[in-house]
Each structure stands twice: as C-alpha cells, then as structure tokens.
Amino acid sequence: MSTRLHRIYVLRFSGSFVTAPHLSLKLNAVGISGPLHLWIMNYLSNRYQYTEVNNQRSALLPIKFGVPQGSLLGPRLFTIYTNDLPDHVKDGFILMYADDTTICTIGCSVDQVILSLNGLMAQISMWSTLNKLTIHPAKTEAMILKKQQFFGALQPLHFGSGFVKFVNSTTCLGVTIDNNLSWHAHVDIVKISFSKKVGALRRMLYLPKSVLVEIYFKTIIPSVTYRLSLWGNCSQSLLNELDHIQARACRIINRLPSSLEGSLCLSHYRWLPINYLYKRRILLKMHQVFTGSAPRQILDLFSKSTRFSNQFNIIRVKTELGRSSLQYRGPNIWNFLNRMIKFLIILVKKALNQS
C-alpha cells in the first residue's frame, strides 16, 4: 500500500492590480453598488505619484495600478479582487490570506502530486492573466510533506516558462513549516528572536522591575508563543530550550546570579514554563470545540463522547506523529482535566459531609 503524500504549494501575488474594469465588476459581484461603489472607484481614480531624491521631485505620473500603500481600504479591496480565485481551481485545497495563497493536494506518489500541481498551476496562471495579476516567482515555493525522507529526482513543477523551486521548509503566516513537521526550523527561529529580545532586557535594567516584567509578558512572551497550539507539539527538548531562555530572562529581571538554576528561578517567581502555556492553549482551543465556536475545519476533527458527558472520543494512533497531533492530545488533556474536576468535587462533598 503506497504512502499518502501531501504537498504544500505557496503562491505570493505582487501587490498591484488593475482597478478598472476588473475591480468594478468584482465589487458588483460581492454586492457593492450605488454610491458606495462610485465612491470607491473615485477614490482609486485620477491618482498621481512622484519620487523625491535630495529635495528634488520628479514629474507627476498617473497611477494605473494598485491602491495607496498603507491604507486601510487597500488590503480589503485586494481581498475582494482575489476572492474568486478558488472558483477557478478545480482540484486540491486552496487557502488565502491577503496576498499569500497556499495550495495543498494529497496523492499516493510524488509524481501524482506534481502532476496535479502542474494542472493547478496552469489554472491559476490563466486566472492571473485574465485578472492582470502577476505571481511573485522568488517567493513561490513547493514542499513535500512525507513521513519518510524522499530520495530521487523530482519532476519539474512549471510556472509559466519557468519552474518552481522545492524547499525543505517554508514560512506561512509567520510560522515556519518543515517537511517532517518536526518544527525544528520554527523553534530555531523563535529561539534566536527570543534570545535577542531577552538580551535587550539587560540594557533596560535602569527601569523599575515592574516595568521590565510588564515588557516581558506583554511584548516578548506573546511573540514567542505565537501559534503555540500549532507548533507546541514539537519535542519536549525543543520546549526546554525555550524555557532555558525564559529562565535567563527571569534572572535578568530579578537581578539574580547566572549560576542560579533556571527551574528554581521560574518556580520561585511563578513563571509558567512554555510546555504549560502550550497545554493551556490547547485547553482553550478544546473549549472552543466543546462550545462549537471553533472554525468548522477544527470542529470536524473531534467528536463528543456519547458515554461520558463533557468528554471527547479519543482516536487510535500508531505513530509518534499521531500522538503529538492536536486531534489526539486535545481530547486527552480535556478528558483528564474533566476527570480531575469530578474527583475534586467528590473529595469536597466527602469533606463537607464529615464536617
């Protein structure tokens, strides 16, 4: 039986697009008409720009493409402009956010997946041509996600007259994904950024301790735990490396000697380890699933137990990758917490009856 294989294909569009008549038609397609439609088109029409170097300005030239940079309306108009792209892609899964487009497809062999992606690319290229959009070739990548390492030559993945490069890791919405889903690449990037920010705290020791604590927990830690529920299923050793950096921050802020053991420092000042933050983030996600407020794609991964109230069914897994997945870890952590709560309630009732 052949192994199922996933491939992620990342597209990034250039930021400019024709405002008329394409945008006018797309605004009508999403229900924007009348005075609002006229106002938007007027906002994008008859705009000019110039370049200034050493206080010398160039002549004014009309802007025929794009929207004003830095505007609030620009990203929304771009989203409307590209909103119909999934309708022109017949196969695979397409995910879009701003000017980043990710295509996923599944197959039983590498050749089958590349064949499918070449067909998808032809469809996207045709749509881009019709809509006067260009795809950024340097930021367009393809990656194989496979349990076992792949050996051998890959068939070319075409991009018009050029080709798409294959990579072992890529960044999607601020998260670095590697082809084994080990999250080593992402944690390495987080460690470098984390360490630099903690090092900056040492240059702020003239500030009161309360201010440093606020800076740490309101600006540094949120940047470290970004999308933690996704990549936090990495190995415990990787999370421990982040805890070592956090212990260094604790020693710096509290003016403690570097020889003090990190775990003692964190426990004394009640700083939660990264692994605890990961489990808390999973519990919050599972609460969204339990209340039905999570996205449909996540809700479909879980089913509630018909035998025990407030619990989820736990899937059977055979691999370490399966045991580290949200679909397996989420119900386990949620069900364990529910059993602990019930046990504590029983103990409290017994204590009340005996008193």
Protein backbone atom coordinates (compact mmCIF):
# COMPACT_ATOMS: atom_id res chain seq x y z
CA MET A 1 0.00 0.00 0.00
CA SER A 2 1.52 3.30 -1.05
CA THR A 3 2.05 6.12 1.39
CA ARG A 4 -0.20 9.15 1.17
CA LEU A 5 1.80 12.23 0.46
CA HIS A 6 0.98 15.88 0.95
CA ARG A 7 2.42 18.83 -0.85
CA ILE A 8 2.14 22.48 0.05
CA TYR A 9 2.45 24.98 -2.75
CA VAL A 10 2.82 28.61 -1.68
CA LEU A 11 1.96 31.46 -4.05
CA ARG A 12 2.52 35.13 -3.40
CA PHE A 13 0.94 37.72 -5.67
CA SER A 14 2.52 41.05 -6.41
CA GLY A 15 0.74 43.93 -4.74
CA SER A 16 -0.62 45.77 -7.78
CA PHE A 17 -3.75 45.15 -9.79
CA VAL A 18 -5.83 46.94 -12.40
CA THR A 19 -8.58 48.97 -10.75
CA ALA A 20 -10.93 49.16 -13.72
CA PRO A 21 -12.83 47.49 -15.12
CA HIS A 22 -11.87 44.33 -13.20
CA LEU A 23 -12.30 45.76 -9.70
CA SER A 24 -15.56 47.46 -10.66
CA LEU A 25 -17.04 44.13 -11.75
CA LYS A 26 -15.74 42.33 -8.66
CA LEU A 27 -17.25 44.97 -6.36
CA ASN A 28 -20.61 44.43 -8.06
CA ALA A 29 -20.20 40.66 -7.67
CA VAL A 30 -19.97 40.96 -3.87
CA GLY A 31 -22.96 43.30 -3.66
CA ILE A 32 -21.22 46.69 -3.57
CA SER A 33 -23.10 49.08 -5.83
CA GLY A 34 -24.63 52.54 -5.92
CA PRO A 35 -22.99 55.50 -4.13
CA LEU A 36 -20.53 53.29 -2.23
CA HIS A 37 -19.32 51.73 -5.48
CA LEU A 38 -18.92 55.16 -7.06
CA TRP A 39 -17.07 56.46 -4.00
CA ILE A 40 -14.57 53.59 -4.04
CA MET A 41 -13.90 53.93 -7.77
CA ASN A 42 -13.50 57.68 -7.38
CA TYR A 43 -11.05 57.07 -4.51
CA LEU A 44 -8.89 54.94 -6.82
CA SER A 45 -9.15 57.13 -9.92
CA ASN A 46 -7.01 60.03 -11.10
CA ARG A 47 -4.22 59.43 -8.58
CA TYR A 48 -0.65 60.61 -9.21
CA GLN A 49 2.75 59.97 -7.68
CA TYR A 50 6.26 61.37 -7.75
CA THR A 51 9.72 60.46 -6.48
CA GLU A 52 11.83 62.77 -4.32
CA VAL A 53 15.64 62.47 -4.08
CA ASN A 54 17.81 65.12 -2.37
CA ASN A 55 14.85 67.50 -2.23
CA GLN A 56 14.36 67.18 -6.00
CA ARG A 57 10.95 65.94 -7.14
CA SER A 58 10.24 64.11 -10.34
CA ALA A 59 7.34 64.91 -12.61
CA LEU A 60 3.88 63.65 -11.62
CA LEU A 61 2.88 60.39 -13.25
CA PRO A 62 -0.57 58.75 -13.16
CA ILE A 63 -1.05 55.60 -11.06
CA LYS A 64 -2.64 52.99 -13.29
CA PHE A 65 -2.27 50.02 -10.96
CA GLY A 66 -2.75 49.22 -7.29
CA VAL A 67 -4.06 51.05 -4.28
CA PRO A 68 -2.44 53.62 -1.94
CA GLN A 69 0.21 51.96 0.21
CA GLY A 70 -0.55 51.87 3.94
CA SER A 71 -4.26 52.50 3.51
CA LEU A 72 -6.90 50.57 5.45
CA LEU A 73 -9.02 50.13 2.33
CA GLY A 74 -6.23 48.68 0.18
CA PRO A 75 -5.96 45.17 1.73
CA ARG A 76 -9.76 44.84 1.76
CA LEU A 77 -10.02 45.74 -1.91
CA PHE A 78 -7.24 43.27 -2.73
CA THR A 79 -9.13 40.53 -0.87
CA ILE A 80 -12.27 41.31 -2.88
CA TYR A 81 -10.21 41.34 -6.07
CA THR A 82 -8.81 37.84 -5.49
CA ASN A 83 -11.92 36.43 -3.83
CA ASP A 84 -13.00 34.35 -6.85
CA LEU A 85 -9.66 32.54 -7.31
CA PRO A 86 -10.86 29.32 -5.53
CA ASP A 87 -13.76 29.11 -8.00
CA HIS A 88 -11.24 28.65 -10.83
CA VAL A 89 -9.24 25.90 -9.13
CA LYS A 90 -10.82 22.52 -9.76
CA ASP A 91 -8.71 20.26 -7.52
CA GLY A 92 -6.83 20.49 -4.23
CA PHE A 93 -7.37 22.75 -1.24
CA ILE A 94 -6.70 26.46 -1.54
CA LEU A 95 -6.21 28.76 1.46
CA MET A 96 -5.89 32.51 1.07
CA TYR A 97 -4.86 35.33 3.38
CA ALA A 98 -4.11 38.78 1.95
CA ASP A 99 -1.59 38.26 -0.89
CA ASP A 100 -0.49 34.81 0.34
CA THR A 101 -2.12 31.79 -1.29
CA THR A 102 -1.41 28.22 -0.19
CA ILE A 103 -2.46 25.18 -2.20
CA CYS A 104 -2.49 21.68 -0.68
CA THR A 105 -3.03 18.43 -2.50
CA ILE A 106 -2.78 14.76 -1.50
CA GLY A 107 -1.59 11.82 -3.57
CA CYS A 108 -0.20 8.30 -3.37
CA SER A 109 3.07 9.17 -5.11
CA VAL A 110 5.29 12.16 -5.70
CA ASP A 111 4.72 12.03 -9.46
CA GLN A 112 0.95 12.01 -8.99
CA VAL A 113 1.06 15.08 -6.75
CA ILE A 114 3.37 17.03 -9.07
CA LEU A 115 1.11 16.21 -12.00
CA SER A 116 -1.86 17.53 -10.02
CA LEU A 117 0.02 20.69 -9.03
CA ASN A 118 1.07 21.38 -12.61
CA GLY A 119 -2.57 21.29 -13.59
CA LEU A 120 -3.46 23.61 -10.70
CA MET A 121 -0.69 26.00 -11.67
CA ALA A 122 -1.98 26.17 -15.24
CA GLN A 123 -5.45 27.11 -13.92
CA ILE A 124 -4.00 29.76 -11.60
CA SER A 125 -1.80 31.18 -14.34
CA MET A 126 -4.82 31.57 -16.61
CA TRP A 127 -6.80 33.28 -13.83
CA SER A 128 -3.85 35.60 -13.10
CA THR A 129 -3.56 36.57 -16.75
CA LEU A 130 -7.26 37.34 -17.03
CA ASN A 131 -7.14 39.44 -13.86
CA LYS A 132 -3.89 41.25 -14.69
CA LEU A 133 -2.09 39.82 -11.65
CA THR A 134 1.46 38.54 -11.52
CA ILE A 135 2.77 35.84 -9.21
CA HIS A 136 5.99 36.61 -7.36
CA PRO A 137 8.41 33.95 -8.71
CA ALA A 138 11.07 34.37 -6.00
CA LYS A 139 8.55 33.81 -3.19
CA THR A 140 6.71 30.89 -4.76
CA GLU A 141 7.77 27.54 -3.29
CA ALA A 142 6.77 23.88 -3.21
CA MET A 143 7.35 21.44 -0.38
CA ILE A 144 6.77 17.73 0.17
CA LEU A 145 5.26 16.63 3.48
CA LYS A 146 6.02 12.97 3.95
CA LYS A 147 6.60 10.58 6.85
CA GLN A 148 9.73 9.07 5.32
CA GLN A 149 12.52 11.04 3.68
CA PHE A 150 12.17 11.16 -0.11
CA PHE A 151 15.08 10.21 -2.35
CA GLY A 152 15.31 10.59 -6.10
CA ALA A 153 14.80 13.15 -8.83
CA LEU A 154 11.66 15.24 -8.81
CA GLN A 155 9.66 16.05 -11.90
CA PRO A 156 9.72 19.78 -12.68
CA LEU A 157 6.93 21.95 -11.34
CA HIS A 158 6.17 24.50 -14.04
CA PHE A 159 5.49 28.18 -13.55
CA GLY A 160 4.73 29.63 -16.95
CA SER A 161 8.03 29.39 -18.82
CA GLY A 162 9.94 28.91 -15.56
CA PHE A 163 9.95 26.44 -12.68
CA VAL A 164 9.04 26.43 -9.00
CA LYS A 165 11.78 25.58 -6.52
CA PHE A 166 11.40 22.78 -3.97
CA VAL A 167 12.29 23.56 -0.36
CA ASN A 168 12.55 21.63 2.91
CA SER A 169 10.88 24.39 4.93
CA THR A 170 8.79 27.46 4.25
CA THR A 171 7.13 30.24 6.20
CA CYS A 172 3.37 30.58 6.12
CA LEU A 173 1.70 33.41 8.07
CA GLY A 174 4.63 33.73 10.45
CA VAL A 175 5.05 30.00 11.13
CA THR A 176 7.95 28.04 9.62
CA ILE A 177 6.82 24.59 8.46
CA ASP A 178 9.38 21.88 7.67
CA ASN A 179 8.80 18.84 5.52
CA ASN A 180 8.73 16.46 8.52
CA LEU A 181 6.50 18.65 10.72
CA SER A 182 9.15 18.39 13.44
CA TRP A 183 9.04 22.18 13.98
CA HIS A 184 12.82 22.29 14.46
CA ALA A 185 13.15 25.10 11.92
CA HIS A 186 10.42 27.20 13.55
CA VAL A 187 11.75 26.72 17.09
CA ASP A 188 15.26 27.66 15.92
CA ILE A 189 13.91 30.95 14.55
CA VAL A 190 11.90 31.56 17.74
CA LYS A 191 14.99 30.86 19.88
CA ILE A 192 17.12 33.40 18.01
CA SER A 193 14.45 36.09 18.24
CA PHE A 194 13.66 35.21 21.88
CA SER A 195 17.30 35.35 22.91
CA LYS A 196 17.84 38.75 21.26
CA LYS A 197 14.81 40.24 22.99
CA VAL A 198 15.87 38.86 26.37
CA GLY A 199 19.34 40.27 25.77
CA ALA A 200 17.74 43.68 25.21
CA LEU A 201 16.28 43.47 28.73
CA ARG A 202 19.79 43.64 30.15
CA ARG A 203 20.16 47.07 28.56
CA MET A 204 16.97 48.21 30.30
CA LEU A 205 17.97 47.41 33.88
CA TYR A 206 17.75 51.09 34.74
CA LEU A 207 13.94 50.65 34.54
CA PRO A 208 11.91 49.51 37.57
CA LYS A 209 11.42 45.76 37.93
CA SER A 210 7.63 46.09 37.49
CA VAL A 211 8.13 47.80 34.13
CA LEU A 212 10.52 45.08 32.94
CA VAL A 213 8.04 42.37 33.95
CA GLU A 214 5.30 44.14 32.02
CA ILE A 215 7.51 44.50 28.95
CA TYR A 216 8.38 40.81 29.11
CA PHE A 217 4.89 39.40 29.50
CA LYS A 218 3.10 41.86 27.23
CA THR A 219 5.54 42.12 24.33
CA ILE A 220 8.18 39.36 24.42
CA ILE A 221 6.23 36.27 25.51
CA PRO A 222 3.30 36.87 23.08
CA SER A 223 5.78 36.94 20.18
CA VAL A 224 7.30 33.65 21.40
CA THR A 225 4.01 31.83 21.89
CA TYR A 226 2.51 32.98 18.57
CA ARG A 227 0.61 29.97 17.13
CA LEU A 228 1.88 27.84 20.03
CA SER A 229 -1.11 25.48 19.75
CA LEU A 230 0.17 24.58 16.28
CA TRP A 231 3.91 24.07 16.80
CA GLY A 232 3.88 23.29 20.53
CA ASN A 233 3.57 19.57 19.76
CA CYS A 234 7.29 19.54 18.97
CA SER A 235 9.63 17.51 21.14
CA GLN A 236 9.96 18.29 24.83
CA SER A 237 13.66 19.02 24.35
CA LEU A 238 12.82 21.92 22.00
CA LEU A 239 10.39 23.40 24.53
CA ASN A 240 13.06 23.01 27.24
CA GLU A 241 15.43 25.10 25.15
CA LEU A 242 12.89 27.91 25.18
CA ASP A 243 12.48 27.52 28.94
CA HIS A 244 16.24 27.99 29.36
CA ILE A 245 15.95 31.37 27.65
CA GLN A 246 12.93 32.24 29.78
CA ALA A 247 14.92 31.37 32.92
CA ARG A 248 17.64 33.76 31.73
CA ALA A 249 15.01 36.50 31.41
CA CYS A 250 13.81 35.73 34.94
CA ARG A 251 17.35 36.07 36.32
CA ILE A 252 17.95 39.33 34.44
CA ILE A 253 14.71 40.99 35.54
CA ASN A 254 15.11 39.92 39.17
CA ARG A 255 18.86 40.73 39.28
CA LEU A 256 19.80 37.15 40.15
CA PRO A 257 23.16 35.45 39.56
CA SER A 258 23.53 33.50 36.34
CA SER A 259 24.58 30.42 38.33
CA LEU A 260 21.09 30.04 39.83
CA GLU A 261 19.27 27.02 38.40
CA GLY A 262 16.61 28.03 35.88
CA SER A 263 13.82 25.77 37.15
CA LEU A 264 14.22 27.12 40.71
CA CYS A 265 14.07 30.68 39.44
CA LEU A 266 10.92 30.08 37.38
CA SER A 267 9.11 28.22 40.17
CA HIS A 268 10.04 30.79 42.83
CA TYR A 269 8.63 33.69 40.81
CA ARG A 270 5.76 31.55 39.47
CA TRP A 271 6.68 31.94 35.82
CA LEU A 272 4.89 29.27 33.83
CA PRO A 273 7.02 27.02 31.57
CA ILE A 274 6.40 27.06 27.82
CA ASN A 275 5.03 23.49 27.95
CA TYR A 276 2.35 24.61 30.43
CA LEU A 277 1.42 27.52 28.18
CA TYR A 278 1.10 25.06 25.29
CA LYS A 279 -1.28 22.80 27.24
CA ARG A 280 -3.30 25.81 28.37
CA ARG A 281 -3.57 26.99 24.78
CA ILE A 282 -4.81 23.52 23.76
CA LEU A 283 -7.43 23.56 26.54
CA LEU A 284 -8.68 26.93 25.31
CA LYS A 285 -8.91 25.50 21.80
CA MET A 286 -10.78 22.43 23.06
CA HIS A 287 -13.20 24.68 24.95
CA GLN A 288 -13.96 26.39 21.64
CA VAL A 289 -14.56 22.98 20.11
CA PHE A 290 -16.81 21.93 23.00
CA THR A 291 -18.92 25.10 22.73
CA GLY A 292 -18.98 24.94 18.94
CA SER A 293 -17.24 28.30 18.48
CA ALA A 294 -14.14 26.90 16.75
CA PRO A 295 -13.81 27.02 12.94
CA ARG A 296 -15.57 24.24 11.05
CA GLN A 297 -12.27 22.71 9.89
CA ILE A 298 -11.28 22.18 13.54
CA LEU A 299 -14.73 21.07 14.72
CA ASP A 300 -14.70 18.27 12.15
CA LEU A 301 -11.59 16.77 13.78
CA PHE A 302 -13.37 15.86 17.03
CA SER A 303 -16.46 14.02 18.25
CA LYS A 304 -18.06 14.16 21.69
CA SER A 305 -18.39 11.02 23.76
CA THR A 306 -21.89 9.51 23.98
CA ARG A 307 -20.93 7.54 27.08
CA PHE A 308 -19.38 10.25 29.25
CA SER A 309 -20.70 13.79 29.37
CA ASN A 310 -18.30 16.68 28.83
CA GLN A 311 -15.71 14.40 27.24
CA PHE A 312 -14.41 13.66 23.74
CA ASN A 313 -13.76 10.43 21.93
CA ILE A 314 -10.05 9.64 21.63
CA ILE A 315 -8.81 8.39 18.28
CA ARG A 316 -6.41 5.46 17.95
CA VAL A 317 -2.96 6.33 16.68
CA LYS A 318 0.06 4.16 15.91
CA THR A 319 2.79 6.72 15.29
CA GLU A 320 4.57 9.34 17.36
CA LEU A 321 3.39 11.98 14.89
CA GLY A 322 -0.21 10.94 15.58
CA ARG A 323 0.29 11.04 19.35
CA SER A 324 1.62 14.59 19.11
CA SER A 325 -1.26 15.87 17.00
CA LEU A 326 -3.96 18.21 18.28
CA GLN A 327 -6.59 15.64 17.31
CA TYR A 328 -5.09 13.19 19.83
CA ARG A 329 -3.59 15.44 22.52
CA GLY A 330 -6.56 17.80 22.73
CA PRO A 331 -9.16 15.20 23.86
CA ASN A 332 -6.63 13.55 26.19
CA ILE A 333 -5.84 16.78 28.03
CA TRP A 334 -9.50 17.84 28.10
CA ASN A 335 -10.75 14.46 29.39
CA PHE A 336 -8.01 14.31 32.05
CA LEU A 337 -8.96 17.75 33.33
CA ASN A 338 -12.62 16.75 33.48
CA ARG A 339 -11.80 13.60 35.48
CA MET A 340 -9.70 15.64 37.89
CA ILE A 341 -12.51 18.14 38.39
CA LYS A 342 -15.01 15.35 39.12
CA PHE A 343 -12.55 13.76 41.57
CA LEU A 344 -12.07 17.06 43.41
CA ILE A 345 -15.84 17.57 43.61
CA ILE A 346 -16.20 14.13 45.21
CA LEU A 347 -13.49 14.93 47.75
CA VAL A 348 -15.12 18.26 48.64
CA LYS A 349 -18.52 16.61 49.12
CA LYS A 350 -17.00 13.95 51.39
CA ALA A 351 -15.23 16.63 53.43
CA LEU A 352 -18.47 18.59 53.79
CA ASN A 353 -20.42 15.52 54.87
CA GLN A 354 -17.84 14.66 57.52
CA SER A 355 -17.74 18.14 58.98
